[in-house]
Amino acid sequence: MNRSDFLMIDARARYVQANAATLRWMLARPRLAGAFLNTKVNSLSLADYGDADGIRGPAYIYGWIQGRGLEAVATHAEFFEAEEPSLSAELDEAGIPLYHALRDLQRRDGHGYFCYDGNLNPVYVSSDGMLHQQAAADGVFTYSDAFLAKGLLAGAARYAPADVPEHLTYLAMVVDAIEKQRFQMDERRHLSLHTALDEPEDFGPRMILLGAAGLLRRIGRSEHSAFADRFITHVLERHLDSENGLLRNVPGTDTCNVGHAIEFVGFALDHLQGSAEPALVQQLQSVLSSSFTRGFAGPGLCLSVSAATGNCLSPYYPWWSLPETIRSAALCFAITGDGDVLNIWKQADRAFFKHYWRGSVAYQTLTMDGPVDFVPATPDLDPGYHTGLSLLSAIQVADRISRRPISPRISM
């Protein structure tokens, strides 16, 4: 066994340990309303949020986060069956009631919503800080639908296989909404077709739902993933700046969310596996490399950069983009064996565990001066999805690589 093998095994062991610690931390916390995951703690102090914290507190449940949590719980339960059966059983004990609670909400409304109040009615907080009842979504779909559809598919595949067709239909409805401009990104406004049509053409919705393609493959339903190839083509044709390799958030604009671009690469490679044309793999690797090179500064990846100058446009360095880089680089390295890609993996790994990791959860956001209490979307920490699933993909890559020869010139 050469040095590369030992280093790959070390990375795998750290990722398994990190994910297990996160999941144990999450499972030890009391459920919200009896079934929902509770990661409502201040990201700096790790103190529980209370009712005095308003929309951050336990009286409000974020459907977005719960859908992501269900996908994480069900997926990790399957993985830990062989690694640690007792942890797998605990995950299932949490996952079953969570699946049924989210399924019932989706059946009730035909949708998932960003936030629910204590009576599980959809609400939102507007830019002026006021709480409002959310409008019925009807034919408009949102990120919450995307995450709920993915979570319900992962949950049904493990806990209620007879429900899978129902959730495949729901997923297809979200795909259709994206492709027919009935997808509203901003859920902190009243939902309406007018708003959806008026929003800029961000690649975010296609990027997020692209993650469902790998999930469909893992549950044996790849025949429903044809949308993924269309999404990949659309994003690369409309958003890729061929001169610098960056994905512009909106065609013709300057802002590039490099973390989302890297996440797109990971989801695309997870879908394609070894079937992609070499030219497409090279293009995706270029997006990964360009996004990481221009965004990696200070403690991690800055939130956004300028396509024109490459300069950071935000003082914030969120945690999630580093595990996403680990996932994307690992999947790319598994296909190409490229030492430059492995170096990106190494840098993201070092930055995440040095600057963000706290033993079971991570700091949510850092600036050049250190951790800050910055909540861009939801206050829930959401560690099983944006850390756990990313590291799990890298674990699975490490398992595949350890079973085949690795070039002596490559080392971690």
Protein backbone atom coordinates (compact mmCIF):
# COMPACT_ATOMS: atom_id res chain seq x y z
CA MET A 1 0.00 0.00 0.00
CA ASN A 2 1.54 3.34 -1.03
CA ARG A 3 1.36 6.72 0.66
CA SER A 4 -1.62 7.80 -1.44
CA ASP A 5 -3.63 4.83 -0.19
CA PHE A 6 -2.91 5.67 3.43
CA LEU A 7 -3.86 9.33 2.93
CA MET A 8 -7.11 8.44 1.17
CA ILE A 9 -7.98 6.06 4.00
CA ASP A 10 -7.25 8.84 6.50
CA ALA A 11 -9.61 11.24 4.71
CA ARG A 12 -12.33 8.60 4.66
CA ALA A 13 -11.96 7.90 8.38
CA ARG A 14 -12.17 11.61 9.27
CA TYR A 15 -15.27 12.09 7.16
CA VAL A 16 -17.02 9.07 8.68
CA GLN A 17 -16.14 10.29 12.16
CA ALA A 18 -17.32 13.83 11.39
CA ASN A 19 -20.63 12.68 9.95
CA ALA A 20 -21.26 10.30 12.83
CA ALA A 21 -20.57 13.07 15.34
CA THR A 22 -22.95 15.43 13.54
CA LEU A 23 -25.73 12.88 13.35
CA ARG A 24 -25.39 11.89 17.01
CA TRP A 25 -25.54 15.56 17.99
CA MET A 26 -28.68 16.03 15.90
CA LEU A 27 -30.39 12.88 17.13
CA ALA A 28 -29.76 13.78 20.77
CA ARG A 29 -31.78 16.96 20.45
CA PRO A 30 -35.54 17.02 21.22
CA ARG A 31 -37.79 16.94 18.16
CA LEU A 32 -39.93 19.90 17.15
CA ALA A 33 -43.66 19.15 17.23
CA GLY A 34 -42.79 15.53 17.92
CA ALA A 35 -41.33 14.69 14.50
CA PHE A 36 -39.23 17.51 13.05
CA LEU A 37 -35.46 17.83 13.36
CA ASN A 38 -34.19 20.46 15.75
CA THR A 39 -30.94 22.18 14.81
CA LYS A 40 -32.02 25.55 16.18
CA VAL A 41 -28.89 26.74 17.95
CA ASN A 42 -26.85 29.90 17.64
CA SER A 43 -23.98 29.13 15.30
CA LEU A 44 -21.47 31.01 17.49
CA SER A 45 -22.45 30.14 21.05
CA LEU A 46 -24.26 26.86 20.22
CA ALA A 47 -26.92 28.00 22.70
CA ASP A 48 -30.48 26.91 21.95
CA TYR A 49 -32.75 29.45 20.35
CA GLY A 50 -35.90 30.10 22.41
CA ASP A 51 -39.28 31.70 21.86
CA ALA A 52 -37.71 35.12 22.50
CA ASP A 53 -35.68 34.65 19.32
CA GLY A 54 -38.83 34.93 17.21
CA ILE A 55 -38.52 33.49 13.73
CA ARG A 56 -35.28 31.77 14.70
CA GLY A 57 -36.97 29.98 17.57
CA PRO A 58 -38.64 26.60 18.04
CA ALA A 59 -42.14 27.88 17.24
CA TYR A 60 -41.22 28.06 13.55
CA ILE A 61 -40.40 25.08 11.37
CA TYR A 62 -38.55 25.50 8.09
CA GLY A 63 -39.89 23.12 5.47
CA TRP A 64 -36.79 23.72 3.36
CA ILE A 65 -34.52 22.46 6.14
CA GLN A 66 -36.75 19.53 7.09
CA GLY A 67 -36.78 18.26 3.48
CA ARG A 68 -33.00 18.43 3.36
CA GLY A 69 -32.82 16.79 6.75
CA LEU A 70 -34.98 13.88 5.66
CA GLU A 71 -32.74 13.25 2.65
CA ALA A 72 -29.70 13.31 4.93
CA VAL A 73 -31.23 11.04 7.57
CA ALA A 74 -32.45 8.39 5.14
CA THR A 75 -29.24 8.41 3.10
CA HIS A 76 -26.96 8.18 6.12
CA ALA A 77 -29.13 5.46 7.65
CA GLU A 78 -28.37 3.30 4.64
CA PHE A 79 -24.65 4.05 4.77
CA PHE A 80 -24.28 3.36 8.49
CA GLU A 81 -26.01 -0.02 8.28
CA ALA A 82 -22.61 -1.57 7.65
CA GLU A 83 -20.44 0.98 9.48
CA GLU A 84 -22.39 1.37 12.71
CA PRO A 85 -25.77 -0.46 12.81
CA SER A 86 -26.88 1.16 16.06
CA LEU A 87 -26.51 4.65 14.57
CA SER A 88 -28.40 3.51 11.48
CA ALA A 89 -31.26 2.30 13.68
CA GLU A 90 -31.39 5.62 15.54
CA LEU A 91 -31.51 7.49 12.23
CA ASP A 92 -34.42 5.36 11.08
CA GLU A 93 -36.19 5.97 14.37
CA ALA A 94 -36.03 9.70 13.59
CA GLY A 95 -36.52 9.35 9.85
CA ILE A 96 -39.79 7.42 9.87
CA PRO A 97 -41.91 10.01 11.74
CA LEU A 98 -40.18 12.84 9.87
CA TYR A 99 -41.07 11.20 6.55
CA HIS A 100 -44.71 10.82 7.51
CA ALA A 101 -44.97 14.38 8.86
CA LEU A 102 -43.52 15.89 5.67
CA ARG A 103 -45.55 13.59 3.43
CA ASP A 104 -48.74 14.66 5.21
CA LEU A 105 -47.86 18.35 4.85
CA GLN A 106 -47.16 17.94 1.14
CA ARG A 107 -50.37 15.99 0.61
CA ARG A 108 -52.33 18.64 2.50
CA ASP A 109 -51.07 21.58 0.46
CA GLY A 110 -49.67 20.04 -2.73
CA HIS A 111 -46.46 21.90 -1.90
CA GLY A 112 -43.74 22.42 0.64
CA TYR A 113 -43.28 25.88 2.14
CA PHE A 114 -40.25 27.75 3.38
CA CYS A 115 -41.56 28.32 6.89
CA TYR A 116 -44.49 27.14 9.03
CA ASP A 117 -45.81 28.64 12.25
CA GLY A 118 -46.73 26.70 15.38
CA ASN A 119 -50.00 25.56 13.77
CA LEU A 120 -48.10 24.42 10.64
CA ASN A 121 -49.57 27.20 8.54
CA PRO A 122 -47.20 28.63 5.88
CA VAL A 123 -45.79 32.05 6.82
CA TYR A 124 -42.95 34.33 5.79
CA VAL A 125 -41.12 37.35 7.15
CA SER A 126 -40.91 40.22 4.70
CA SER A 127 -37.92 42.54 4.30
CA ASP A 128 -39.42 44.93 6.87
CA GLY A 129 -39.41 42.18 9.51
CA MET A 130 -43.18 41.66 9.53
CA LEU A 131 -44.73 38.18 9.67
CA HIS A 132 -47.27 37.34 6.96
CA GLN A 133 -49.42 34.39 5.99
CA GLN A 134 -48.02 32.90 2.80
CA ALA A 135 -50.20 32.78 -0.29
CA ALA A 136 -51.24 29.37 -1.62
CA ALA A 137 -48.61 28.29 -4.11
CA ASP A 138 -51.02 26.66 -6.57
CA GLY A 139 -49.07 26.31 -9.85
CA VAL A 140 -45.94 28.08 -8.57
CA PHE A 141 -43.11 25.93 -7.20
CA THR A 142 -40.15 26.90 -5.04
CA TYR A 143 -36.85 25.75 -3.57
CA SER A 144 -38.87 24.29 -0.70
CA ASP A 145 -40.69 22.09 -3.20
CA ALA A 146 -37.35 21.02 -4.68
CA PHE A 147 -35.90 20.05 -1.30
CA LEU A 148 -39.10 18.43 -0.11
CA ALA A 149 -39.41 16.37 -3.30
CA LYS A 150 -35.85 15.09 -2.87
CA GLY A 151 -36.34 14.37 0.81
CA LEU A 152 -39.62 12.55 0.26
CA LEU A 153 -38.07 10.38 -2.46
CA ALA A 154 -35.14 9.44 -0.24
CA GLY A 155 -37.49 8.80 2.69
CA ALA A 156 -40.03 6.80 0.71
CA ALA A 157 -37.34 4.63 -0.88
CA ARG A 158 -36.31 3.57 2.61
CA TYR A 159 -39.53 3.77 4.65
CA ALA A 160 -42.52 3.58 2.31
CA PRO A 161 -41.63 2.18 -1.15
CA ALA A 162 -45.28 2.21 -2.26
CA ASP A 163 -45.20 6.03 -2.01
CA VAL A 164 -42.28 6.46 -4.44
CA PRO A 165 -44.46 6.96 -7.57
CA GLU A 166 -46.36 9.77 -5.82
CA HIS A 167 -43.11 11.62 -5.10
CA LEU A 168 -41.77 11.00 -8.59
CA THR A 169 -44.82 12.86 -9.87
CA TYR A 170 -44.14 15.71 -7.43
CA LEU A 171 -40.52 15.90 -8.60
CA ALA A 172 -41.65 16.00 -12.23
CA MET A 173 -43.95 18.91 -11.38
CA VAL A 174 -41.02 20.87 -9.94
CA VAL A 175 -38.94 20.15 -13.07
CA ASP A 176 -41.81 21.33 -15.25
CA ALA A 177 -42.19 24.52 -13.21
CA ILE A 178 -38.50 25.36 -13.66
CA GLU A 179 -38.61 24.81 -17.39
CA LYS A 180 -41.86 26.77 -17.83
CA GLN A 181 -40.95 29.75 -15.61
CA ARG A 182 -43.34 28.89 -12.81
CA PHE A 183 -40.56 28.60 -10.22
CA GLN A 184 -40.24 31.40 -7.64
CA MET A 185 -36.85 31.66 -5.94
CA ASP A 186 -37.71 34.33 -3.38
CA GLU A 187 -39.95 32.67 -0.80
CA ARG A 188 -39.98 35.68 1.50
CA ARG A 189 -42.61 37.33 -0.67
CA HIS A 190 -46.14 36.31 -1.59
CA LEU A 191 -46.01 33.45 -4.05
CA SER A 192 -47.45 34.31 -7.45
CA LEU A 193 -46.97 33.51 -11.10
CA HIS A 194 -46.26 37.19 -11.78
CA THR A 195 -43.36 37.18 -9.32
CA ALA A 196 -41.97 33.94 -10.73
CA LEU A 197 -42.04 35.31 -14.28
CA ASP A 198 -40.43 38.57 -13.16
CA GLU A 199 -37.42 37.00 -11.42
CA PRO A 200 -33.97 36.93 -13.07
CA GLU A 201 -32.81 33.73 -14.78
CA ASP A 202 -30.56 32.41 -12.00
CA PHE A 203 -29.10 28.93 -12.46
CA GLY A 204 -29.89 28.08 -8.82
CA PRO A 205 -33.15 26.16 -9.37
CA ARG A 206 -31.63 23.88 -12.01
CA MET A 207 -28.52 23.39 -9.88
CA ILE A 208 -30.49 22.38 -6.79
CA LEU A 209 -32.83 20.00 -8.57
CA LEU A 210 -29.91 18.48 -10.48
CA GLY A 211 -29.04 16.87 -7.14
CA ALA A 212 -32.14 14.71 -7.51
CA ALA A 213 -30.58 12.88 -10.47
CA GLY A 214 -27.92 11.17 -8.35
CA LEU A 215 -30.57 10.34 -5.77
CA LEU A 216 -32.75 8.75 -8.46
CA ARG A 217 -29.83 6.58 -9.53
CA ARG A 218 -29.19 5.45 -5.96
CA ILE A 219 -32.81 4.40 -5.42
CA GLY A 220 -32.97 2.61 -8.77
CA ARG A 221 -35.12 5.17 -10.60
CA SER A 222 -32.67 6.60 -13.14
CA GLU A 223 -35.29 6.38 -15.89
CA HIS A 224 -36.81 9.52 -14.36
CA SER A 225 -33.61 11.60 -14.56
CA ALA A 226 -33.67 12.73 -18.21
CA PHE A 227 -34.17 16.31 -17.01
CA ALA A 228 -30.62 16.30 -15.61
CA ASP A 229 -28.94 16.27 -19.02
CA ARG A 230 -31.17 19.16 -20.12
CA PHE A 231 -30.32 21.11 -16.98
CA ILE A 232 -26.56 20.59 -17.41
CA THR A 233 -26.70 21.70 -21.05
CA HIS A 234 -28.86 24.72 -20.21
CA VAL A 235 -26.58 25.96 -17.43
CA LEU A 236 -23.38 25.55 -19.42
CA GLU A 237 -24.82 27.16 -22.55
CA ARG A 238 -26.48 30.09 -20.78
CA HIS A 239 -24.32 30.83 -17.74
CA LEU A 240 -20.75 29.76 -18.48
CA ASP A 241 -18.28 32.55 -19.21
CA SER A 242 -15.92 30.75 -21.60
CA GLU A 243 -13.12 33.25 -20.99
CA ASN A 244 -12.77 32.73 -17.26
CA GLY A 245 -14.60 29.43 -16.62
CA LEU A 246 -17.03 30.97 -14.12
CA LEU A 247 -20.79 30.52 -14.03
CA ARG A 248 -22.59 33.85 -13.94
CA ASN A 249 -25.59 33.74 -11.61
CA VAL A 250 -27.67 35.43 -14.31
CA PRO A 251 -26.58 35.62 -17.96
CA GLY A 252 -25.03 38.98 -18.77
CA THR A 253 -24.48 40.02 -15.14
CA ASP A 254 -21.23 40.19 -13.19
CA THR A 255 -21.95 38.24 -9.98
CA CYS A 256 -20.82 34.63 -9.65
CA ASN A 257 -21.75 32.48 -6.66
CA VAL A 258 -18.70 30.22 -6.83
CA GLY A 259 -20.05 27.84 -4.20
CA HIS A 260 -23.18 27.22 -6.24
CA ALA A 261 -21.06 26.71 -9.36
CA ILE A 262 -18.99 24.09 -7.54
CA GLU A 263 -22.14 22.46 -6.18
CA PHE A 264 -23.46 22.30 -9.77
CA VAL A 265 -20.30 20.47 -10.84
CA GLY A 266 -20.70 17.95 -8.03
CA PHE A 267 -24.34 17.21 -8.83
CA ALA A 268 -23.55 16.94 -12.55
CA LEU A 269 -20.70 14.48 -11.98
CA ASP A 270 -22.76 12.50 -9.49
CA HIS A 271 -25.42 12.10 -12.18
CA LEU A 272 -23.01 11.36 -15.02
CA GLN A 273 -20.64 9.06 -13.11
CA GLY A 274 -18.40 7.43 -15.74
CA SER A 275 -20.74 7.96 -18.69
CA ALA A 276 -19.86 11.57 -19.52
CA GLU A 277 -18.08 12.54 -22.68
CA PRO A 278 -14.46 13.59 -21.96
CA ALA A 279 -15.14 17.09 -23.31
CA LEU A 280 -17.99 17.57 -20.84
CA VAL A 281 -15.89 16.31 -17.93
CA GLN A 282 -13.15 18.74 -18.96
CA GLN A 283 -15.66 21.58 -19.06
CA LEU A 284 -17.01 20.73 -15.62
CA GLN A 285 -13.48 20.43 -14.24
CA SER A 286 -12.73 23.89 -15.64
CA VAL A 287 -15.76 25.33 -13.79
CA LEU A 288 -14.59 23.66 -10.57
CA SER A 289 -11.02 24.88 -10.94
CA SER A 290 -11.90 28.43 -12.01
CA SER A 291 -14.52 28.86 -9.29
CA PHE A 292 -12.24 27.55 -6.57
CA THR A 293 -9.17 29.49 -7.72
CA ARG A 294 -11.02 32.80 -7.84
CA GLY A 295 -13.12 32.28 -4.74
CA PHE A 296 -10.67 30.68 -2.33
CA ALA A 297 -9.26 33.38 -0.08
CA GLY A 298 -8.89 33.92 3.63
CA PRO A 299 -10.61 31.17 5.60
CA GLY A 300 -12.53 29.59 2.71
CA LEU A 301 -14.60 30.41 -0.35
CA CYS A 302 -16.11 33.88 -0.52
CA LEU A 303 -19.82 34.03 -1.19
CA SER A 304 -19.53 35.67 -4.61
CA VAL A 305 -16.93 37.03 -7.00
CA SER A 306 -16.91 39.39 -9.96
CA ALA A 307 -16.77 37.77 -13.38
CA ALA A 308 -14.99 40.85 -14.71
CA THR A 309 -12.28 41.24 -12.08
CA GLY A 310 -12.28 37.99 -10.11
CA ASN A 311 -12.46 40.03 -6.90
CA CYS A 312 -14.62 38.96 -3.96
CA LEU A 313 -17.91 40.85 -3.80
CA SER A 314 -18.87 39.79 -0.26
CA PRO A 315 -17.13 39.80 3.12
CA TYR A 316 -18.74 36.45 3.97
CA TYR A 317 -17.20 32.99 3.69
CA PRO A 318 -19.93 30.38 4.33
CA TRP A 319 -19.14 26.88 5.57
CA TRP A 320 -21.17 24.90 3.06
CA SER A 321 -19.12 25.66 -0.03
CA LEU A 322 -16.06 23.83 1.32
CA PRO A 323 -17.79 20.44 1.82
CA GLU A 324 -19.36 20.99 -1.61
CA THR A 325 -15.86 21.49 -3.01
CA ILE A 326 -14.72 18.28 -1.33
CA ARG A 327 -17.60 16.43 -2.99
CA SER A 328 -17.05 17.94 -6.43
CA ALA A 329 -13.29 17.50 -6.39
CA ALA A 330 -13.60 13.92 -5.17
CA LEU A 331 -16.07 13.00 -7.91
CA CYS A 332 -13.94 14.73 -10.55
CA PHE A 333 -10.76 13.07 -9.32
CA ALA A 334 -12.47 9.67 -9.44
CA ILE A 335 -13.02 10.18 -13.17
CA THR A 336 -9.85 11.99 -14.21
CA GLY A 337 -7.17 11.13 -11.64
CA ASP A 338 -5.93 14.69 -12.17
CA GLY A 339 -3.46 15.87 -9.54
CA ASP A 340 -4.68 19.48 -9.79
CA VAL A 341 -8.18 18.35 -8.85
CA LEU A 342 -6.79 16.35 -5.94
CA ASN A 343 -5.01 19.49 -4.78
CA ILE A 344 -8.33 21.36 -4.72
CA TRP A 345 -9.75 18.52 -2.62
CA LYS A 346 -6.81 18.82 -0.22
CA GLN A 347 -7.11 22.61 0.12
CA ALA A 348 -10.84 22.52 0.77
CA ASP A 349 -10.38 19.72 3.30
CA ARG A 350 -7.69 21.61 5.21
CA ALA A 351 -9.63 24.89 5.23
CA PHE A 352 -12.86 23.30 6.43
CA PHE A 353 -11.36 21.30 9.27
CA LYS A 354 -8.97 24.08 10.32
CA HIS A 355 -11.27 27.10 10.25
CA TYR A 356 -14.88 25.86 10.47
CA TRP A 357 -15.16 22.45 12.10
CA ARG A 358 -16.04 22.35 15.80
CA GLY A 359 -16.22 18.62 16.47
CA SER A 360 -19.85 17.99 15.57
CA VAL A 361 -21.01 21.10 13.70
CA ALA A 362 -19.32 23.95 11.85
CA TYR A 363 -19.30 27.71 12.12
CA GLN A 364 -21.88 28.87 9.61
CA THR A 365 -20.14 31.97 8.33
CA LEU A 366 -16.68 33.51 8.71
CA THR A 367 -15.21 36.81 7.66
CA MET A 368 -11.53 37.72 7.53
CA ASP A 369 -11.92 38.65 11.21
CA GLY A 370 -13.47 35.36 12.33
CA PRO A 371 -16.92 33.81 12.89
CA VAL A 372 -20.02 35.99 12.60
CA ASP A 373 -23.72 35.51 13.30
CA PHE A 374 -24.89 35.81 9.70
CA VAL A 375 -28.02 33.90 8.67
CA PRO A 376 -28.51 34.17 4.91
CA ALA A 377 -31.49 31.81 4.58
CA THR A 378 -32.57 29.92 7.71
CA PRO A 379 -31.21 29.92 11.26
CA ASP A 380 -31.23 26.11 11.53
CA LEU A 381 -27.70 24.69 11.22
CA ASP A 382 -28.65 21.99 8.69
CA PRO A 383 -25.42 19.98 9.18
CA GLY A 384 -26.59 16.61 7.85
CA TYR A 385 -27.26 17.94 4.35
CA HIS A 386 -24.67 20.55 3.49
CA THR A 387 -21.82 18.93 5.38
CA GLY A 388 -22.88 15.31 5.77
CA LEU A 389 -24.06 14.43 2.26
CA SER A 390 -21.07 16.17 0.69
CA LEU A 391 -18.60 14.27 2.85
CA LEU A 392 -20.53 11.04 2.26
CA SER A 393 -19.98 11.38 -1.50
CA ALA A 394 -16.25 11.78 -0.86
CA ILE A 395 -16.29 8.71 1.41
CA GLN A 396 -17.82 6.68 -1.40
CA VAL A 397 -15.22 7.99 -3.86
CA ALA A 398 -12.45 7.03 -1.44
CA ASP A 399 -13.92 3.54 -1.23
CA ARG A 400 -13.90 3.20 -5.01
CA ILE A 401 -10.38 4.57 -5.38
CA SER A 402 -8.99 2.32 -2.65
CA ARG A 403 -10.08 -0.69 -4.70
CA ARG A 404 -8.05 0.30 -7.78
CA PRO A 405 -4.42 1.29 -8.46
CA ILE A 406 -3.53 4.95 -7.93
CA SER A 407 -0.68 6.61 -9.85
CA PRO A 408 2.41 6.98 -7.63
CA ARG A 409 2.75 10.63 -8.73
CA ILE A 410 -0.52 11.58 -6.96
CA SER A 411 -0.66 12.17 -3.22
CA MET A 412 -3.01 13.84 -0.77
